[in-house]
PDB file of all heavy atoms in Angstrom:
ATOM      1  N   ALA A   1      35.269  60.245 169.960  1.00  0.00           N
ATOM      2  CA  ALA A   1      34.326  60.431 171.067  1.00  0.00           C
ATOM      3  C   ALA A   1      34.456  61.858 171.580  1.00  0.00           C
ATOM      4  O   ALA A   1      35.531  62.443 171.545  1.00  0.00           O
ATOM      5  CB  ALA A   1      34.620  59.454 172.193  1.00  0.00           C
ATOM      6  N   ARG A   2      33.333  62.380 172.053  1.00  0.00           N
ATOM      7  CA  ARG A   2      33.383  63.681 172.717  1.00  0.00           C
ATOM      8  C   ARG A   2      32.364  63.694 173.846  1.00  0.00           C
ATOM      9  O   ARG A   2      31.339  63.032 173.787  1.00  0.00           O
ATOM     10  CB  ARG A   2      33.179  64.832 171.741  1.00  0.00           C
ATOM     11  CG  ARG A   2      31.829  64.968 171.152  1.00  0.00           C
ATOM     12  CD  ARG A   2      31.742  66.227 170.267  1.00  0.00           C
ATOM     13  NE  ARG A   2      30.410  66.352 169.736  1.00  0.00           N
ATOM     14  CZ  ARG A   2      29.996  65.825 168.600  1.00  0.00           C
ATOM     15  NH1 ARG A   2      30.842  65.164 167.842  1.00  0.00           N
ATOM     16  NH2 ARG A   2      28.752  65.978 168.212  1.00  0.00           N
ATOM     17  N   LYS A   3      32.713  64.463 174.874  1.00  0.00           N
ATOM     18  CA  LYS A   3      31.860  64.565 176.056  1.00  0.00           C
ATOM     19  C   LYS A   3      31.627  66.040 176.331  1.00  0.00           C
ATOM     20  O   LYS A   3      32.577  66.823 176.423  1.00  0.00           O
ATOM     21  CB  LYS A   3      32.548  63.909 177.251  1.00  0.00           C
ATOM     22  CG  LYS A   3      31.795  64.036 178.538  1.00  0.00           C
ATOM     23  CD  LYS A   3      32.584  63.440 179.679  1.00  0.00           C
ATOM     24  CE  LYS A   3      31.882  63.724 180.997  1.00  0.00           C
ATOM     25  NZ  LYS A   3      32.707  63.338 182.126  1.00  0.00           N
ATOM     26  N   LEU A   4      30.379  66.412 176.463  1.00  0.00           N
ATOM     27  CA  LEU A   4      30.039  67.790 176.767  1.00  0.00           C
ATOM     28  C   LEU A   4      30.545  68.137 178.162  1.00  0.00           C
ATOM     29  O   LEU A   4      30.312  67.404 179.127  1.00  0.00           O
ATOM     30  CB  LEU A   4      28.522  67.989 176.706  1.00  0.00           C
ATOM     31  CG  LEU A   4      28.042  69.390 177.032  1.00  0.00           C
ATOM     32  CD1 LEU A   4      28.396  70.345 175.895  1.00  0.00           C
ATOM     33  CD2 LEU A   4      26.557  69.394 177.312  1.00  0.00           C
ATOM     34  N   LEU A   5      31.270  69.245 178.266  1.00  0.00           N
ATOM     35  CA  LEU A   5      31.748  69.717 179.564  1.00  0.00           C
ATOM     36  C   LEU A   5      30.852  70.815 180.124  1.00  0.00           C
ATOM     37  O   LEU A   5      30.743  70.958 181.343  1.00  0.00           O
ATOM     38  CB  LEU A   5      33.187  70.222 179.457  1.00  0.00           C
ATOM     39  CG  LEU A   5      34.225  69.175 179.069  1.00  0.00           C
ATOM     40  CD1 LEU A   5      35.602  69.815 178.968  1.00  0.00           C
ATOM     41  CD2 LEU A   5      34.231  68.020 180.060  1.00  0.00           C
ATOM     42  N   GLY A   6      30.248  71.607 179.236  1.00  0.00           N
ATOM     43  CA  GLY A   6      29.358  72.629 179.750  1.00  0.00           C
ATOM     44  C   GLY A   6      29.053  73.743 178.775  1.00  0.00           C
ATOM     45  O   GLY A   6      29.581  73.799 177.662  1.00  0.00           O
ATOM     46  N   VAL A   7      28.188  74.629 179.247  1.00  0.00           N
ATOM     47  CA  VAL A   7      27.754  75.792 178.493  1.00  0.00           C
ATOM     48  C   VAL A   7      27.985  77.014 179.376  1.00  0.00           C
ATOM     49  O   VAL A   7      27.592  77.028 180.545  1.00  0.00           O
ATOM     50  CB  VAL A   7      26.249  75.701 178.136  1.00  0.00           C
ATOM     51  CG1 VAL A   7      25.762  76.966 177.466  1.00  0.00           C
ATOM     52  CG2 VAL A   7      25.970  74.479 177.274  1.00  0.00           C
ATOM     53  N   LEU A   8      28.634  78.023 178.828  1.00  0.00           N
ATOM     54  CA  LEU A   8      28.852  79.290 179.521  1.00  0.00           C
ATOM     55  C   LEU A   8      28.218  80.397 178.701  1.00  0.00           C
ATOM     56  O   LEU A   8      28.193  80.329 177.471  1.00  0.00           O
ATOM     57  CB  LEU A   8      30.352  79.558 179.685  1.00  0.00           C
ATOM     58  CG  LEU A   8      31.172  78.472 180.367  1.00  0.00           C
ATOM     59  CD1 LEU A   8      32.658  78.772 180.237  1.00  0.00           C
ATOM     60  CD2 LEU A   8      30.778  78.347 181.822  1.00  0.00           C
ATOM     61  N   ARG A   9      27.731  81.426 179.361  1.00  0.00           N
ATOM     62  CA  ARG A   9      27.127  82.564 178.661  1.00  0.00           C
ATOM     63  C   ARG A   9      27.995  83.793 178.868  1.00  0.00           C
ATOM     64  O   ARG A   9      28.458  84.044 179.979  1.00  0.00           O
ATOM     65  CB  ARG A   9      25.721  82.812 179.184  1.00  0.00           C
ATOM     66  CG  ARG A   9      24.753  81.714 178.790  1.00  0.00           C
ATOM     67  CD  ARG A   9      23.482  81.780 179.639  1.00  0.00           C
ATOM     68  NE  ARG A   9      22.528  80.774 179.244  1.00  0.00           N
ATOM     69  CZ  ARG A   9      22.589  79.492 179.583  1.00  0.00           C
ATOM     70  NH1 ARG A   9      23.578  79.051 180.333  1.00  0.00           N
ATOM     71  NH2 ARG A   9      21.666  78.639 179.169  1.00  0.00           N
ATOM     72  N   LYS A  10      28.201  84.536 177.789  1.00  0.00           N
ATOM     73  CA  LYS A  10      28.989  85.766 177.866  1.00  0.00           C
ATOM     74  C   LYS A  10      28.387  86.767 176.895  1.00  0.00           C
ATOM     75  O   LYS A  10      28.382  86.532 175.683  1.00  0.00           O
ATOM     76  CB  LYS A  10      30.449  85.497 177.520  1.00  0.00           C
ATOM     77  CG  LYS A  10      31.323  86.734 177.683  1.00  0.00           C
ATOM     78  CD  LYS A  10      32.782  86.369 177.618  1.00  0.00           C
ATOM     79  CE  LYS A  10      33.631  87.601 177.701  1.00  0.00           C
ATOM     80  NZ  LYS A  10      34.022  87.933 179.046  1.00  0.00           N
ATOM     81  N   GLY A  11      27.876  87.870 177.434  1.00  0.00           N
ATOM     82  CA  GLY A  11      27.220  88.857 176.588  1.00  0.00           C
ATOM     83  C   GLY A  11      26.052  88.228 175.861  1.00  0.00           C
ATOM     84  O   GLY A  11      25.168  87.663 176.488  1.00  0.00           O
ATOM     85  N   GLU A  12      26.088  88.293 174.537  1.00  0.00           N
ATOM     86  CA  GLU A  12      25.019  87.723 173.716  1.00  0.00           C
ATOM     87  C   GLU A  12      25.434  86.407 173.078  1.00  0.00           C
ATOM     88  O   GLU A  12      24.842  85.980 172.088  1.00  0.00           O
ATOM     89  CB  GLU A  12      24.608  88.724 172.646  1.00  0.00           C
ATOM     90  CG  GLU A  12      23.982  89.979 173.225  1.00  0.00           C
ATOM     91  CD  GLU A  12      23.581  90.985 172.168  1.00  0.00           C
ATOM     92  OE1 GLU A  12      23.827  90.749 170.967  1.00  0.00           O
ATOM     93  OE2 GLU A  12      23.009  92.015 172.553  1.00  0.00           O
ATOM     94  N   ALA A  13      26.437  85.755 173.645  1.00  0.00           N
ATOM     95  CA  ALA A  13      26.939  84.502 173.062  1.00  0.00           C
ATOM     96  C   ALA A  13      26.991  83.400 174.115  1.00  0.00           C
ATOM     97  O   ALA A  13      27.013  83.663 175.317  1.00  0.00           O
ATOM     98  CB  ALA A  13      28.330  84.725 172.473  1.00  0.00           C
ATOM     99  N   ALA A  14      27.017  82.185 173.625  1.00  0.00           N
ATOM    100  CA  ALA A  14      27.171  81.011 174.487  1.00  0.00           C
ATOM    101  C   ALA A  14      28.423  80.262 174.045  1.00  0.00           C
ATOM    102  O   ALA A  14      28.645  80.056 172.851  1.00  0.00           O
ATOM    103  CB  ALA A  14      25.951  80.101 174.383  1.00  0.00           C
ATOM    104  N   LEU A  15      29.231  79.875 175.013  1.00  0.00           N
ATOM    105  CA  LEU A  15      30.418  79.064 174.756  1.00  0.00           C
ATOM    106  C   LEU A  15      30.077  77.633 175.142  1.00  0.00           C
ATOM    107  O   LEU A  15      29.705  77.371 176.289  1.00  0.00           O
ATOM    108  CB  LEU A  15      31.610  79.563 175.575  1.00  0.00           C
ATOM    109  CG  LEU A  15      32.888  78.747 175.447  1.00  0.00           C
ATOM    110  CD1 LEU A  15      33.463  78.845 174.035  1.00  0.00           C
ATOM    111  CD2 LEU A  15      33.911  79.203 176.475  1.00  0.00           C
ATOM    112  N   VAL A  16      30.183  76.725 174.182  1.00  0.00           N
ATOM    113  CA  VAL A  16      29.916  75.307 174.428  1.00  0.00           C
ATOM    114  C   VAL A  16      31.251  74.592 174.355  1.00  0.00           C
ATOM    115  O   VAL A  16      32.022  74.786 173.406  1.00  0.00           O
ATOM    116  CB  VAL A  16      28.907  74.736 173.410  1.00  0.00           C
ATOM    117  CG1 VAL A  16      28.537  73.307 173.767  1.00  0.00           C
ATOM    118  CG2 VAL A  16      27.654  75.626 173.338  1.00  0.00           C
ATOM    119  N   VAL A  17      31.532  73.765 175.372  1.00  0.00           N
ATOM    120  CA  VAL A  17      32.852  73.136 175.505  1.00  0.00           C
ATOM    121  C   VAL A  17      32.693  71.623 175.626  1.00  0.00           C
ATOM    122  O   VAL A  17      31.869  71.131 176.406  1.00  0.00           O
ATOM    123  CB  VAL A  17      33.586  73.693 176.747  1.00  0.00           C
ATOM    124  CG1 VAL A  17      34.975  73.108 176.858  1.00  0.00           C
ATOM    125  CG2 VAL A  17      33.648  75.222 176.708  1.00  0.00           C
ATOM    126  N   TRP A  18      33.515  70.904 174.845  1.00  0.00           N
ATOM    127  CA  TRP A  18      33.556  69.437 174.876  1.00  0.00           C
ATOM    128  C   TRP A  18      34.984  68.976 175.129  1.00  0.00           C
ATOM    129  O   TRP A  18      35.941  69.613 174.697  1.00  0.00           O
ATOM    130  CB  TRP A  18      33.139  68.830 173.538  1.00  0.00           C
ATOM    131  CG  TRP A  18      31.765  69.069 173.071  1.00  0.00           C
ATOM    132  CD1 TRP A  18      30.678  68.260 173.234  1.00  0.00           C
ATOM    133  CD2 TRP A  18      31.291  70.179 172.289  1.00  0.00           C
ATOM    134  NE1 TRP A  18      29.575  68.798 172.611  1.00  0.00           N
ATOM    135  CE2 TRP A  18      29.927  69.979 172.029  1.00  0.00           C
ATOM    136  CE3 TRP A  18      31.896  71.341 171.795  1.00  0.00           C
ATOM    137  CZ2 TRP A  18      29.155  70.874 171.300  1.00  0.00           C
ATOM    138  CZ3 TRP A  18      31.133  72.248 171.070  1.00  0.00           C
ATOM    139  CH2 TRP A  18      29.781  72.014 170.840  1.00  0.00           C
ATOM    140  N   SER A  19      35.124  67.826 175.746  1.00  0.00           N
ATOM    141  CA  SER A  19      36.388  67.100 175.794  1.00  0.00           C
ATOM    142  C   SER A  19      36.286  66.039 174.707  1.00  0.00           C
ATOM    143  O   SER A  19      35.260  65.352 174.591  1.00  0.00           O
ATOM    144  CB  SER A  19      36.555  66.435 177.159  1.00  0.00           C
ATOM    145  OG  SER A  19      37.673  65.589 177.155  1.00  0.00           O
ATOM    146  N   ALA A  20      37.338  65.895 173.900  1.00  0.00           N
ATOM    147  CA  ALA A  20      37.273  64.971 172.765  1.00  0.00           C
ATOM    148  C   ALA A  20      38.468  64.029 172.760  1.00  0.00           C
ATOM    149  O   ALA A  20      39.557  64.377 173.211  1.00  0.00           O
ATOM    150  CB  ALA A  20      37.222  65.749 171.461  1.00  0.00           C
ATOM    151  N   LYS A  21      38.234  62.838 172.240  1.00  0.00           N
ATOM    152  CA  LYS A  21      39.282  61.846 172.017  1.00  0.00           C
ATOM    153  C   LYS A  21      39.421  61.633 170.516  1.00  0.00           C
ATOM    154  O   LYS A  21      38.426  61.529 169.797  1.00  0.00           O
ATOM    155  CB  LYS A  21      38.923  60.509 172.669  1.00  0.00           C
ATOM    156  CG  LYS A  21      38.963  60.528 174.170  1.00  0.00           C
ATOM    157  CD  LYS A  21      40.376  60.581 174.641  1.00  0.00           C
ATOM    158  CE  LYS A  21      40.456  60.396 176.146  1.00  0.00           C
ATOM    159  NZ  LYS A  21      41.802  60.559 176.631  1.00  0.00           N
ATOM    160  N   TYR A  22      40.671  61.567 170.069  1.00  0.00           N
ATOM    161  CA  TYR A  22      40.979  61.341 168.661  1.00  0.00           C
ATOM    162  C   TYR A  22      41.698  60.013 168.513  1.00  0.00           C
ATOM    163  O   TYR A  22      42.325  59.523 169.456  1.00  0.00           O
ATOM    164  CB  TYR A  22      41.829  62.496 168.110  1.00  0.00           C
ATOM    165  CG  TYR A  22      41.015  63.733 167.841  1.00  0.00           C
ATOM    166  CD1 TYR A  22      40.540  64.528 168.876  1.00  0.00           C
ATOM    167  CD2 TYR A  22      40.694  64.098 166.550  1.00  0.00           C
ATOM    168  CE1 TYR A  22      39.778  65.651 168.634  1.00  0.00           C
ATOM    169  CE2 TYR A  22      39.930  65.230 166.291  1.00  0.00           C
ATOM    170  CZ  TYR A  22      39.476  66.000 167.342  1.00  0.00           C
ATOM    171  OH  TYR A  22      38.708  67.112 167.097  1.00  0.00           O
ATOM    172  N   ASP A  23      41.628  59.433 167.325  1.00  0.00           N
ATOM    173  CA  ASP A  23      42.130  58.070 167.144  1.00  0.00           C
ATOM    174  C   ASP A  23      43.649  57.936 167.010  1.00  0.00           C
ATOM    175  O   ASP A  23      44.159  56.826 167.091  1.00  0.00           O
ATOM    176  CB  ASP A  23      41.425  57.384 165.973  1.00  0.00           C
ATOM    177  CG  ASP A  23      41.618  58.049 164.623  1.00  0.00           C
ATOM    178  OD1 ASP A  23      42.333  59.063 164.537  1.00  0.00           O
ATOM    179  OD2 ASP A  23      41.034  57.557 163.647  1.00  0.00           O
ATOM    180  N   LYS A  24      44.390  59.020 166.843  1.00  0.00           N
ATOM    181  CA  LYS A  24      45.839  58.910 166.705  1.00  0.00           C
ATOM    182  C   LYS A  24      46.611  59.419 167.915  1.00  0.00           C
ATOM    183  O   LYS A  24      47.834  59.484 167.874  1.00  0.00           O
ATOM    184  CB  LYS A  24      46.318  59.676 165.468  1.00  0.00           C
ATOM    185  CG  LYS A  24      45.943  59.047 164.150  1.00  0.00           C
ATOM    186  CD  LYS A  24      46.580  59.838 163.013  1.00  0.00           C
ATOM    187  CE  LYS A  24      46.270  59.244 161.659  1.00  0.00           C
ATOM    188  NZ  LYS A  24      46.889  60.064 160.592  1.00  0.00           N
ATOM    189  N   THR A  25      45.907  59.812 168.971  1.00  0.00           N
ATOM    190  CA  THR A  25      46.591  60.343 170.145  1.00  0.00           C
ATOM    191  C   THR A  25      45.854  59.944 171.415  1.00  0.00           C
ATOM    192  O   THR A  25      44.645  59.750 171.393  1.00  0.00           O
ATOM    193  CB  THR A  25      46.728  61.885 170.072  1.00  0.00           C
ATOM    194  OG1 THR A  25      47.418  62.341 171.234  1.00  0.00           O
ATOM    195  CG2 THR A  25      45.383  62.572 169.990  1.00  0.00           C
ATOM    196  N   GLU A  26      46.607  59.828 172.485  1.00  0.00           N
ATOM    197  CA  GLU A  26      46.010  59.551 173.793  1.00  0.00           C
ATOM    198  C   GLU A  26      45.630  60.854 174.504  1.00  0.00           C
ATOM    199  O   GLU A  26      44.953  60.834 175.522  1.00  0.00           O
ATOM    200  CB  GLU A  26      46.997  58.754 174.666  1.00  0.00           C
ATOM    201  CG  GLU A  26      47.279  57.354 174.134  1.00  0.00           C
ATOM    202  CD  GLU A  26      46.034  56.475 174.118  1.00  0.00           C
ATOM    203  OE1 GLU A  26      45.252  56.515 175.092  1.00  0.00           O
ATOM    204  OE2 GLU A  26      45.826  55.768 173.100  1.00  0.00           O
ATOM    205  N   ASP A  27      46.110  61.981 173.966  1.00  0.00           N
ATOM    206  CA  ASP A  27      45.836  63.274 174.589  1.00  0.00           C
ATOM    207  C   ASP A  27      44.359  63.641 174.499  1.00  0.00           C
ATOM    208  O   ASP A  27      43.681  63.300 173.529  1.00  0.00           O
ATOM    209  CB  ASP A  27      46.634  64.388 173.905  1.00  0.00           C
ATOM    210  CG  ASP A  27      48.127  64.259 174.118  1.00  0.00           C
ATOM    211  OD1 ASP A  27      48.541  63.559 175.064  1.00  0.00           O
ATOM    212  OD2 ASP A  27      48.880  64.860 173.331  1.00  0.00           O
ATOM    213  N   ASP A  28      43.888  64.332 175.521  1.00  0.00           N
ATOM    214  CA  ASP A  28      42.551  64.911 175.467  1.00  0.00           C
ATOM    215  C   ASP A  28      42.615  66.178 174.626  1.00  0.00           C
ATOM    216  O   ASP A  28      43.619  66.894 174.631  1.00  0.00           O
ATOM    217  CB  ASP A  28      42.057  65.282 176.865  1.00  0.00           C
ATOM    218  CG  ASP A  28      41.768  64.059 177.715  1.00  0.00           C
ATOM    219  OD1 ASP A  28      41.227  63.073 177.178  1.00  0.00           O
ATOM    220  OD2 ASP A  28      42.078  64.099 178.925  1.00  0.00           O
ATOM    221  N   THR A  29      41.555  66.445 173.905  1.00  0.00           N
ATOM    222  CA  THR A  29      41.443  67.662 173.110  1.00  0.00           C
ATOM    223  C   THR A  29      40.225  68.427 173.600  1.00  0.00           C
ATOM    224  O   THR A  29      39.194  67.834 173.904  1.00  0.00           O
ATOM    225  CB  THR A  29      41.289  67.320 171.617  1.00  0.00           C
ATOM    226  OG1 THR A  29      42.443  66.619 171.187  1.00  0.00           O
ATOM    227  CG2 THR A  29      41.126  68.569 170.771  1.00  0.00           C
ATOM    228  N   LEU A  30      40.354  69.728 173.677  1.00  0.00           N
ATOM    229  CA  LEU A  30      39.255  70.588 174.078  1.00  0.00           C
ATOM    230  C   LEU A  30      38.676  71.228 172.815  1.00  0.00           C
ATOM    231  O   LEU A  30      39.415  71.823 172.026  1.00  0.00           O
ATOM    232  CB  LEU A  30      39.782  71.665 175.019  1.00  0.00           C
ATOM    233  CG  LEU A  30      38.776  72.416 175.868  1.00  0.00           C
ATOM    234  CD1 LEU A  30      38.010  71.466 176.778  1.00  0.00           C
ATOM    235  CD2 LEU A  30      39.496  73.466 176.691  1.00  0.00           C
TER     236      LEU A  30
END
C-alpha cells in the first residue's frame, strides 16, 4: 500500500512523496 503525501516544486522539477507499507515490516517507508 502507498499513500500520496504531497507534491513539492523546486526549480524545474517536482518532488512527489508517498508513505508506503511493505509486507515484511511494520515500519513506514518513504
